[in-house]
Amino acid sequence: MIRVILPAHLRTLARVTGEVTVDLEGPVTQGAVLDALEARYPVLRGTIRDHTTKRRRPFIRFFACEQDLSHALPDTPLPAAVATGKEPLLIVGAMAGG
């Protein structure tokens, strides 16, 4: 079980409260988690990553275990603590402005 924490606006869109969980078979990668998340909550398709390219949307960041994983390749394994459900994968809506 992989724990995922969504930003407030995506929780509202997905109609969930608190963290969500997804189950994966095989390697626990950022891409696999996002695939499972979008399969479970189809309304999130296109909000976190582009429909076609599957690249992370600007102003969306990924964190886990106090590490910024935003620039990691989608096939890079997530930290073991995330894979075992000890720590969540945080999807954060970045802030911009002056």
PDB file of N, CA and C in Angstrom:
ATOM      1  N   MET A   1       0.838  -1.173   0.000  1.00  0.00           N
ATOM      2  CA  MET A   1       0.000   0.000   0.000  1.00  0.00           C
ATOM      3  C   MET A   1       0.890   1.246   0.000  1.00  0.00           C
ATOM      4  N   ILE A   2       0.647   2.102  -0.966  1.00  0.00           N
ATOM      5  CA  ILE A   2       1.399   3.344  -1.094  1.00  0.00           C
ATOM      6  C   ILE A   2       0.500   4.484  -0.624  1.00  0.00           C
ATOM      7  N   ARG A   3       1.024   5.295   0.263  1.00  0.00           N
ATOM      8  CA  ARG A   3       0.275   6.445   0.773  1.00  0.00           C
ATOM      9  C   ARG A   3       0.634   7.681  -0.051  1.00  0.00           C
ATOM     10  N   VAL A   4      -0.389   8.425  -0.430  1.00  0.00           N
ATOM     11  CA  VAL A   4      -0.188   9.632  -1.237  1.00  0.00           C
ATOM     12  C   VAL A   4      -0.967  10.773  -0.597  1.00  0.00           C
ATOM     13  N   ILE A   5      -0.309  11.894  -0.441  1.00  0.00           N
ATOM     14  CA  ILE A   5      -0.965  13.099   0.055  1.00  0.00           C
ATOM     15  C   ILE A   5      -1.069  14.087  -1.103  1.00  0.00           C
ATOM     16  N   LEU A   6      -2.288  14.457  -1.399  1.00  0.00           N
ATOM     17  CA  LEU A   6      -2.573  15.376  -2.501  1.00  0.00           C
ATOM     18  C   LEU A   6      -2.728  16.797  -1.967  1.00  0.00           C
ATOM     19  N   PRO A   7      -2.470  17.793  -2.822  1.00  0.00           N
ATOM     20  CA  PRO A   7      -2.766  19.166  -2.392  1.00  0.00           C
ATOM     21  C   PRO A   7      -4.279  19.356  -2.280  1.00  0.00           C
ATOM     22  N   ALA A   8      -4.678  20.349  -1.528  1.00  0.00           N
ATOM     23  CA  ALA A   8      -6.100  20.557  -1.215  1.00  0.00           C
ATOM     24  C   ALA A   8      -6.964  20.636  -2.465  1.00  0.00           C
ATOM     25  N   HIS A   9      -6.508  21.344  -3.488  1.00  0.00           N
ATOM     26  CA  HIS A   9      -7.365  21.505  -4.669  1.00  0.00           C
ATOM     27  C   HIS A   9      -7.576  20.171  -5.400  1.00  0.00           C
ATOM     28  N   LEU A  10      -6.594  19.277  -5.362  1.00  0.00           N
ATOM     29  CA  LEU A  10      -6.777  17.972  -6.009  1.00  0.00           C
ATOM     30  C   LEU A  10      -7.606  17.037  -5.135  1.00  0.00           C
ATOM     31  N   ARG A  11      -7.498  17.172  -3.809  1.00  0.00           N
ATOM     32  CA  ARG A  11      -8.384  16.391  -2.924  1.00  0.00           C
ATOM     33  C   ARG A  11      -9.837  16.776  -3.175  1.00  0.00           C
ATOM     34  N   THR A  12     -10.084  18.059  -3.334  1.00  0.00           N
ATOM     35  CA  THR A  12     -11.447  18.517  -3.619  1.00  0.00           C
ATOM     36  C   THR A  12     -11.926  17.950  -4.944  1.00  0.00           C
ATOM     37  N   LEU A  13     -11.084  18.003  -5.948  1.00  0.00           N
ATOM     38  CA  LEU A  13     -11.446  17.494  -7.275  1.00  0.00           C
ATOM     39  C   LEU A  13     -11.735  15.994  -7.225  1.00  0.00           C
ATOM     40  N   ALA A  14     -10.918  15.259  -6.481  1.00  0.00           N
ATOM     41  CA  ALA A  14     -11.093  13.805  -6.372  1.00  0.00           C
ATOM     42  C   ALA A  14     -12.153  13.417  -5.346  1.00  0.00           C
ATOM     43  N   ARG A  15     -12.628  14.414  -4.606  1.00  0.00           N
ATOM     44  CA  ARG A  15     -13.648  14.185  -3.567  1.00  0.00           C
ATOM     45  C   ARG A  15     -13.157  13.205  -2.501  1.00  0.00           C
ATOM     46  N   VAL A  16     -11.961  13.489  -2.023  1.00  0.00           N
ATOM     47  CA  VAL A  16     -11.393  12.698  -0.939  1.00  0.00           C
ATOM     48  C   VAL A  16     -10.955  13.649   0.167  1.00  0.00           C
ATOM     49  N   THR A  17     -10.817  13.090   1.350  1.00  0.00           N
ATOM     50  CA  THR A  17     -10.263  13.868   2.454  1.00  0.00           C
ATOM     51  C   THR A  17      -9.049  13.094   2.969  1.00  0.00           C
ATOM     52  N   GLY A  18      -8.080  13.799   3.435  1.00  0.00           N
ATOM     53  CA  GLY A  18      -6.890  13.142   3.967  1.00  0.00           C
ATOM     54  C   GLY A  18      -6.070  12.487   2.875  1.00  0.00           C
ATOM     55  N   GLU A  19      -5.219  11.573   3.290  1.00  0.00           N
ATOM     56  CA  GLU A  19      -4.356  10.911   2.309  1.00  0.00           C
ATOM     57  C   GLU A  19      -5.101   9.787   1.609  1.00  0.00           C
ATOM     58  N   VAL A  20      -4.634   9.439   0.428  1.00  0.00           N
ATOM     59  CA  VAL A  20      -5.213   8.338  -0.328  1.00  0.00           C
ATOM     60  C   VAL A  20      -4.179   7.229  -0.411  1.00  0.00           C
ATOM     61  N   THR A  21      -4.636   6.054  -0.719  1.00  0.00           N
ATOM     62  CA  THR A  21      -3.713   4.930  -0.866  1.00  0.00           C
ATOM     63  C   THR A  21      -3.940   4.257  -2.213  1.00  0.00           C
ATOM     64  N   VAL A  22      -2.877   3.700  -2.737  1.00  0.00           N
ATOM     65  CA  VAL A  22      -2.962   2.915  -3.962  1.00  0.00           C
ATOM     66  C   VAL A  22      -2.147   1.650  -3.749  1.00  0.00           C
ATOM     67  N   ASP A  23      -2.569   0.591  -4.382  1.00  0.00           N
ATOM     68  CA  ASP A  23      -1.835  -0.670  -4.316  1.00  0.00           C
ATOM     69  C   ASP A  23      -1.121  -0.889  -5.639  1.00  0.00           C
ATOM     70  N   LEU A  24       0.086  -1.334  -5.548  1.00  0.00           N
ATOM     71  CA  LEU A  24       0.892  -1.569  -6.746  1.00  0.00           C
ATOM     72  C   LEU A  24       1.438  -2.977  -6.734  1.00  0.00           C
ATOM     73  N   GLU A  25       1.560  -3.520  -7.920  1.00  0.00           N
ATOM     74  CA  GLU A  25       2.308  -4.769  -8.096  1.00  0.00           C
ATOM     75  C   GLU A  25       3.522  -4.410  -8.927  1.00  0.00           C
ATOM     76  N   GLY A  26       4.657  -4.887  -8.551  1.00  0.00           N
ATOM     77  CA  GLY A  26       5.871  -4.570  -9.289  1.00  0.00           C
ATOM     78  C   GLY A  26       6.607  -3.406  -8.669  1.00  0.00           C
ATOM     79  N   PRO A  27       7.557  -2.862  -9.409  1.00  0.00           N
ATOM     80  CA  PRO A  27       8.399  -1.785  -8.876  1.00  0.00           C
ATOM     81  C   PRO A  27       7.579  -0.555  -8.482  1.00  0.00           C
ATOM     82  N   VAL A  28       7.939   0.024  -7.353  1.00  0.00           N
ATOM     83  CA  VAL A  28       7.254   1.231  -6.883  1.00  0.00           C
ATOM     84  C   VAL A  28       8.041   2.431  -7.387  1.00  0.00           C
ATOM     85  N   THR A  29       7.536   2.987  -8.464  1.00  0.00           N
ATOM     86  CA  THR A  29       8.156   4.158  -9.065  1.00  0.00           C
ATOM     87  C   THR A  29       7.150   5.298  -9.058  1.00  0.00           C
ATOM     88  N   GLN A  30       7.655   6.492  -9.277  1.00  0.00           N
ATOM     89  CA  GLN A  30       6.778   7.656  -9.331  1.00  0.00           C
ATOM     90  C   GLN A  30       5.731   7.468 -10.449  1.00  0.00           C
ATOM     91  N   GLY A  31       6.167   6.985 -11.596  1.00  0.00           N
ATOM     92  CA  GLY A  31       5.252   6.773 -12.715  1.00  0.00           C
ATOM     93  C   GLY A  31       4.187   5.737 -12.390  1.00  0.00           C
ATOM     94  N   ALA A  32       4.589   4.645 -11.732  1.00  0.00           N
ATOM     95  CA  ALA A  32       3.626   3.598 -11.380  1.00  0.00           C
ATOM     96  C   ALA A  32       2.608   4.109 -10.369  1.00  0.00           C
ATOM     97  N   VAL A  33       3.063   4.905  -9.403  1.00  0.00           N
ATOM     98  CA  VAL A  33       2.136   5.470  -8.417  1.00  0.00           C
ATOM     99  C   VAL A  33       1.155   6.411  -9.104  1.00  0.00           C
ATOM    100  N   LEU A  34       1.645   7.247  -9.996  1.00  0.00           N
ATOM    101  CA  LEU A  34       0.746   8.178 -10.688  1.00  0.00           C
ATOM    102  C   LEU A  34      -0.217   7.429 -11.598  1.00  0.00           C
ATOM    103  N   ASP A  35       0.248   6.378 -12.249  1.00  0.00           N
ATOM    104  CA  ASP A  35      -0.656   5.552 -13.075  1.00  0.00           C
ATOM    105  C   ASP A  35      -1.781   4.982 -12.203  1.00  0.00           C
ATOM    106  N   ALA A  36      -1.424   4.429 -11.051  1.00  0.00           N
ATOM    107  CA  ALA A  36      -2.422   3.834 -10.155  1.00  0.00           C
ATOM    108  C   ALA A  36      -3.359   4.895  -9.589  1.00  0.00           C
ATOM    109  N   LEU A  37      -2.805   6.044  -9.273  1.00  0.00           N
ATOM    110  CA  LEU A  37      -3.622   7.139  -8.739  1.00  0.00           C
ATOM    111  C   LEU A  37      -4.637   7.607  -9.783  1.00  0.00           C
ATOM    112  N   GLU A  38      -4.190   7.765 -11.020  1.00  0.00           N
ATOM    113  CA  GLU A  38      -5.098   8.213 -12.083  1.00  0.00           C
ATOM    114  C   GLU A  38      -6.119   7.135 -12.446  1.00  0.00           C
ATOM    115  N   ALA A  39      -5.759   5.870 -12.293  1.00  0.00           N
ATOM    116  CA  ALA A  39      -6.721   4.795 -12.550  1.00  0.00           C
ATOM    117  C   ALA A  39      -7.808   4.788 -11.477  1.00  0.00           C
ATOM    118  N   ARG A  40      -7.399   5.048 -10.245  1.00  0.00           N
ATOM    119  CA  ARG A  40      -8.367   5.050  -9.146  1.00  0.00           C
ATOM    120  C   ARG A  40      -9.209   6.316  -9.126  1.00  0.00           C
ATOM    121  N   TYR A  41      -8.603   7.435  -9.505  1.00  0.00           N
ATOM    122  CA  TYR A  41      -9.293   8.726  -9.528  1.00  0.00           C
ATOM    123  C   TYR A  41      -9.126   9.338 -10.915  1.00  0.00           C
ATOM    124  N   PRO A  42      -9.926   8.886 -11.889  1.00  0.00           N
ATOM    125  CA  PRO A  42      -9.755   9.366 -13.275  1.00  0.00           C
ATOM    126  C   PRO A  42      -9.862  10.885 -13.420  1.00  0.00           C
ATOM    127  N   VAL A  43     -10.555  11.530 -12.518  1.00  0.00           N
ATOM    128  CA  VAL A  43     -10.689  12.983 -12.591  1.00  0.00           C
ATOM    129  C   VAL A  43      -9.336  13.684 -12.435  1.00  0.00           C
ATOM    130  N   LEU A  44      -8.359  12.988 -11.894  1.00  0.00           N
ATOM    131  CA  LEU A  44      -7.022  13.587 -11.707  1.00  0.00           C
ATOM    132  C   LEU A  44      -6.155  13.514 -12.963  1.00  0.00           C
ATOM    133  N   ARG A  45      -6.600  12.775 -13.972  1.00  0.00           N
ATOM    134  CA  ARG A  45      -5.813  12.676 -15.213  1.00  0.00           C
ATOM    135  C   ARG A  45      -5.635  14.064 -15.823  1.00  0.00           C
ATOM    136  N   GLY A  46      -4.408  14.387 -16.109  1.00  0.00           N
ATOM    137  CA  GLY A  46      -4.106  15.682 -16.710  1.00  0.00           C
ATOM    138  C   GLY A  46      -3.872  16.789 -15.699  1.00  0.00           C
ATOM    139  N   THR A  47      -4.130  16.537 -14.438  1.00  0.00           N
ATOM    140  CA  THR A  47      -3.929  17.586 -13.440  1.00  0.00           C
ATOM    141  C   THR A  47      -2.526  17.548 -12.843  1.00  0.00           C
ATOM    142  N   ILE A  48      -1.965  16.371 -12.721  1.00  0.00           N
ATOM    143  CA  ILE A  48      -0.643  16.217 -12.120  1.00  0.00           C
ATOM    144  C   ILE A  48       0.428  16.148 -13.205  1.00  0.00           C
ATOM    145  N   ARG A  49       0.091  15.501 -14.297  1.00  0.00           N
ATOM    146  CA  ARG A  49       1.030  15.396 -15.420  1.00  0.00           C
ATOM    147  C   ARG A  49       0.245  15.507 -16.719  1.00  0.00           C
ATOM    148  N   ASP A  50       0.957  15.848 -17.747  1.00  0.00           N
ATOM    149  CA  ASP A  50       0.347  16.050 -19.054  1.00  0.00           C
ATOM    150  C   ASP A  50      -0.236  14.735 -19.578  1.00  0.00           C
ATOM    151  N   HIS A  51      -1.400  14.798 -20.217  1.00  0.00           N
ATOM    152  CA  HIS A  51      -2.055  13.606 -20.757  1.00  0.00           C
ATOM    153  C   HIS A  51      -1.156  12.853 -21.736  1.00  0.00           C
ATOM    154  N   THR A  52      -0.534  13.581 -22.620  1.00  0.00           N
ATOM    155  CA  THR A  52       0.208  12.969 -23.718  1.00  0.00           C
ATOM    156  C   THR A  52       1.639  12.626 -23.339  1.00  0.00           C
ATOM    157  N   THR A  53       2.352  13.598 -22.823  1.00  0.00           N
ATOM    158  CA  THR A  53       3.773  13.393 -22.559  1.00  0.00           C
ATOM    159  C   THR A  53       4.039  12.702 -21.225  1.00  0.00           C
ATOM    160  N   LYS A  54       3.065  12.731 -20.319  1.00  0.00           N
ATOM    161  CA  LYS A  54       3.209  12.172 -18.970  1.00  0.00           C
ATOM    162  C   LYS A  54       4.245  12.938 -18.144  1.00  0.00           C
ATOM    163  N   ARG A  55       4.621  14.130 -18.601  1.00  0.00           N
ATOM    164  CA  ARG A  55       5.568  14.951 -17.838  1.00  0.00           C
ATOM    165  C   ARG A  55       4.823  15.714 -16.747  1.00  0.00           C
ATOM    166  N   ARG A  56       5.522  15.911 -15.655  1.00  0.00           N
ATOM    167  CA  ARG A  56       4.966  16.634 -14.515  1.00  0.00           C
ATOM    168  C   ARG A  56       4.526  18.028 -14.951  1.00  0.00           C
ATOM    169  N   ARG A  57       3.350  18.445 -14.493  1.00  0.00           N
ATOM    170  CA  ARG A  57       2.863  19.791 -14.776  1.00  0.00           C
ATOM    171  C   ARG A  57       3.728  20.804 -14.037  1.00  0.00           C
ATOM    172  N   PRO A  58       3.913  21.982 -14.648  1.00  0.00           N
ATOM    173  CA  PRO A  58       4.610  23.033 -13.901  1.00  0.00           C
ATOM    174  C   PRO A  58       3.833  23.334 -12.627  1.00  0.00           C
ATOM    175  N   PHE A  59       4.505  23.696 -11.608  1.00  0.00           N
ATOM    176  CA  PHE A  59       3.922  24.036 -10.307  1.00  0.00           C
ATOM    177  C   PHE A  59       3.403  22.825  -9.543  1.00  0.00           C
ATOM    178  N   ILE A  60       3.730  21.632  -9.993  1.00  0.00           N
ATOM    179  CA  ILE A  60       3.459  20.423  -9.212  1.00  0.00           C
ATOM    180  C   ILE A  60       4.817  19.854  -8.830  1.00  0.00           C
ATOM    181  N   ARG A  61       4.977  19.531  -7.575  1.00  0.00           N
ATOM    182  CA  ARG A  61       6.243  18.980  -7.082  1.00  0.00           C
ATOM    183  C   ARG A  61       5.969  17.691  -6.326  1.00  0.00           C
ATOM    184  N   PHE A  62       7.002  16.828  -6.266  1.00  0.00           N
ATOM    185  CA  PHE A  62       6.896  15.559  -5.557  1.00  0.00           C
ATOM    186  C   PHE A  62       7.959  15.505  -4.466  1.00  0.00           C
ATOM    187  N   PHE A  63       7.550  15.113  -3.276  1.00  0.00           N
ATOM    188  CA  PHE A  63       8.473  14.982  -2.158  1.00  0.00           C
ATOM    189  C   PHE A  63       8.205  13.668  -1.426  1.00  0.00           C
ATOM    190  N   ALA A  64       9.263  13.104  -0.867  1.00  0.00           N
ATOM    191  CA  ALA A  64       9.137  11.943   0.009  1.00  0.00           C
ATOM    192  C   ALA A  64      10.406  11.850   0.831  1.00  0.00           C
ATOM    193  N   CYS A  65      10.261  11.462   2.072  1.00  0.00           N
ATOM    194  CA  CYS A  65      11.413  11.250   2.953  1.00  0.00           C
ATOM    195  C   CYS A  65      12.340  12.464   2.957  1.00  0.00           C
ATOM    196  N   GLU A  66      11.751  13.636   2.994  1.00  0.00           N
ATOM    197  CA  GLU A  66      12.494  14.899   3.037  1.00  0.00           C
ATOM    198  C   GLU A  66      13.355  15.113   1.801  1.00  0.00           C
ATOM    199  N   GLN A  67      13.001  14.492   0.698  1.00  0.00           N
ATOM    200  CA  GLN A  67      13.732  14.656  -0.556  1.00  0.00           C
ATOM    201  C   GLN A  67      12.787  15.216  -1.616  1.00  0.00           C
ATOM    202  N   ASP A  68      13.319  16.116  -2.445  1.00  0.00           N
ATOM    203  CA  ASP A  68      12.567  16.634  -3.586  1.00  0.00           C
ATOM    204  C   ASP A  68      12.761  15.653  -4.735  1.00  0.00           C
ATOM    205  N   LEU A  69      11.700  14.984  -5.123  1.00  0.00           N
ATOM    206  CA  LEU A  69      11.766  13.976  -6.186  1.00  0.00           C
ATOM    207  C   LEU A  69      11.187  14.510  -7.491  1.00  0.00           C
ATOM    208  N   SER A  70      10.968  15.804  -7.545  1.00  0.00           N
ATOM    209  CA  SER A  70      10.283  16.398  -8.695  1.00  0.00           C
ATOM    210  C   SER A  70      11.015  16.180 -10.014  1.00  0.00           C
ATOM    211  N   HIS A  71      12.315  16.113  -9.967  1.00  0.00           N
ATOM    212  CA  HIS A  71      13.075  15.971 -11.209  1.00  0.00           C
ATOM    213  C   HIS A  71      13.567  14.543 -11.432  1.00  0.00           C
ATOM    214  N   ALA A  72      13.129  13.623 -10.600  1.00  0.00           N
ATOM    215  CA  ALA A  72      13.499  12.216 -10.801  1.00  0.00           C
ATOM    216  C   ALA A  72      12.768  11.667 -12.024  1.00  0.00           C
ATOM    217  N   LEU A  73      13.396  10.761 -12.701  1.00  0.00           N
ATOM    218  CA  LEU A  73      12.749  10.137 -13.851  1.00  0.00           C
ATOM    219  C   LEU A  73      11.571   9.295 -13.371  1.00  0.00           C
ATOM    220  N   PRO A  74      10.517   9.189 -14.166  1.00  0.00           N
ATOM    221  CA  PRO A  74       9.321   8.438 -13.730  1.00  0.00           C
ATOM    222  C   PRO A  74       9.598   6.975 -13.367  1.00  0.00           C
ATOM    223  N   ASP A  75      10.636   6.390 -13.940  1.00  0.00           N
ATOM    224  CA  ASP A  75      10.934   4.985 -13.660  1.00  0.00           C
ATOM    225  C   ASP A  75      11.915   4.789 -12.507  1.00  0.00           C
ATOM    226  N   THR A  76      12.309   5.868 -11.853  1.00  0.00           N
ATOM    227  CA  THR A  76      13.214   5.775 -10.720  1.00  0.00           C
ATOM    228  C   THR A  76      12.458   5.214  -9.514  1.00  0.00           C
ATOM    229  N   PRO A  77      12.989   4.173  -8.873  1.00  0.00           N
ATOM    230  CA  PRO A  77      12.294   3.640  -7.688  1.00  0.00           C
ATOM    231  C   PRO A  77      12.159   4.691  -6.596  1.00  0.00           C
ATOM    232  N   LEU A  78      10.998   4.700  -5.947  1.00  0.00           N
ATOM    233  CA  LEU A  78      10.786   5.605  -4.816  1.00  0.00           C
ATOM    234  C   LEU A  78      11.511   5.050  -3.600  1.00  0.00           C
ATOM    235  N   PRO A  79      11.795   5.891  -2.604  1.00  0.00           N
ATOM    236  CA  PRO A  79      12.477   5.403  -1.398  1.00  0.00           C
ATOM    237  C   PRO A  79      11.734   4.218  -0.776  1.00  0.00           C
ATOM    238  N   ALA A  80      12.478   3.345  -0.140  1.00  0.00           N
ATOM    239  CA  ALA A  80      11.907   2.129   0.457  1.00  0.00           C
ATOM    240  C   ALA A  80      10.810   2.457   1.460  1.00  0.00           C
ATOM    241  N   ALA A  81      10.973   3.562   2.203  1.00  0.00           N
ATOM    242  CA  ALA A  81       9.952   3.939   3.192  1.00  0.00           C
ATOM    243  C   ALA A  81       8.614   4.249   2.513  1.00  0.00           C
ATOM    244  N   VAL A  82       8.644   4.756   1.306  1.00  0.00           N
ATOM    245  CA  VAL A  82       7.403   5.014   0.565  1.00  0.00           C
ATOM    246  C   VAL A  82       6.845   3.689   0.046  1.00  0.00           C
ATOM    247  N   ALA A  83       7.715   2.852  -0.459  1.00  0.00           N
ATOM    248  CA  ALA A  83       7.287   1.560  -1.021  1.00  0.00           C
ATOM    249  C   ALA A  83       6.641   0.666   0.030  1.00  0.00           C
ATOM    250  N   THR A  84       7.057   0.824   1.281  1.00  0.00           N
ATOM    251  CA  THR A  84       6.493  -0.007   2.354  1.00  0.00           C
ATOM    252  C   THR A  84       5.329   0.665   3.075  1.00  0.00           C
ATOM    253  N   GLY A  85       5.025   1.894   2.705  1.00  0.00           N
ATOM    254  CA  GLY A  85       3.903   2.597   3.323  1.00  0.00           C
ATOM    255  C   GLY A  85       4.245   3.317   4.611  1.00  0.00           C
ATOM    256  N   LYS A  86       5.524   3.322   4.992  1.00  0.00           N
ATOM    257  CA  LYS A  86       5.928   4.044   6.203  1.00  0.00           C
ATOM    258  C   LYS A  86       5.806   5.549   6.029  1.00  0.00           C
ATOM    259  N   GLU A  87       6.195   6.001   4.859  1.00  0.00           N
ATOM    260  CA  GLU A  87       6.172   7.436   4.541  1.00  0.00           C
ATOM    261  C   GLU A  87       5.289   7.653   3.317  1.00  0.00           C
ATOM    262  N   PRO A  88       4.598   8.807   3.257  1.00  0.00           N
ATOM    263  CA  PRO A  88       3.775   9.086   2.081  1.00  0.00           C
ATOM    264  C   PRO A  88       4.574   9.756   0.964  1.00  0.00           C
ATOM    265  N   LEU A  89       4.036   9.653  -0.231  1.00  0.00           N
ATOM    266  CA  LEU A  89       4.515  10.474  -1.346  1.00  0.00           C
ATOM    267  C   LEU A  89       3.672  11.735  -1.310  1.00  0.00           C
ATOM    268  N   LEU A  90       4.340  12.867  -1.215  1.00  0.00           N
ATOM    269  CA  LEU A  90       3.634  14.150  -1.160  1.00  0.00           C
ATOM    270  C   LEU A  90       3.607  14.772  -2.542  1.00  0.00           C
ATOM    271  N   ILE A  91       2.432  15.086  -3.010  1.00  0.00           N
ATOM    272  CA  ILE A  91       2.273  15.830  -4.257  1.00  0.00           C
ATOM    273  C   ILE A  91       1.867  17.231  -3.843  1.00  0.00           C
ATOM    274  N   VAL A  92       2.687  18.183  -4.201  1.00  0.00           N
ATOM    275  CA  VAL A  92       2.522  19.539  -3.679  1.00  0.00           C
ATOM    276  C   VAL A  92       2.300  20.505  -4.837  1.00  0.00           C
ATOM    277  N   GLY A  93       1.331  21.347  -4.670  1.00  0.00           N
ATOM    278  CA  GLY A  93       1.128  22.430  -5.616  1.00  0.00           C
ATOM    279  C   GLY A  93       2.058  23.557  -5.239  1.00  0.00           C
ATOM    280  N   ALA A  94       3.030  23.850  -6.105  1.00  0.00           N
ATOM    281  CA  ALA A  94       4.023  24.869  -5.786  1.00  0.00           C
ATOM    282  C   ALA A  94       3.391  26.251  -5.811  1.00  0.00           C
ATOM    283  N   MET A  95       3.982  27.141  -5.059  1.00  0.00           N
ATOM    284  CA  MET A  95       3.500  28.521  -5.018  1.00  0.00           C
ATOM    285  C   MET A  95       4.427  29.370  -5.860  1.00  0.00           C
ATOM    286  N   ALA A  96       3.875  30.359  -6.472  1.00  0.00           N
ATOM    287  CA  ALA A  96       4.670  31.279  -7.275  1.00  0.00           C
ATOM    288  C   ALA A  96       4.176  32.695  -6.999  1.00  0.00           C
ATOM    289  N   GLY A  97       5.009  33.592  -7.317  1.00  0.00           N
ATOM    290  CA  GLY A  97       4.612  34.983  -7.142  1.00  0.00           C
ATOM    291  C   GLY A  97       5.626  35.743  -6.327  1.00  0.00           C
ATOM    292  N   GLY A  98       5.425  36.987  -6.210  1.00  0.00           N
ATOM    293  CA  GLY A  98       6.405  37.798  -5.518  1.00  0.00           C
ATOM    294  C   GLY A  98       5.967  38.310  -4.208  1.00  0.00           C
TER     295      GLY A  98
END
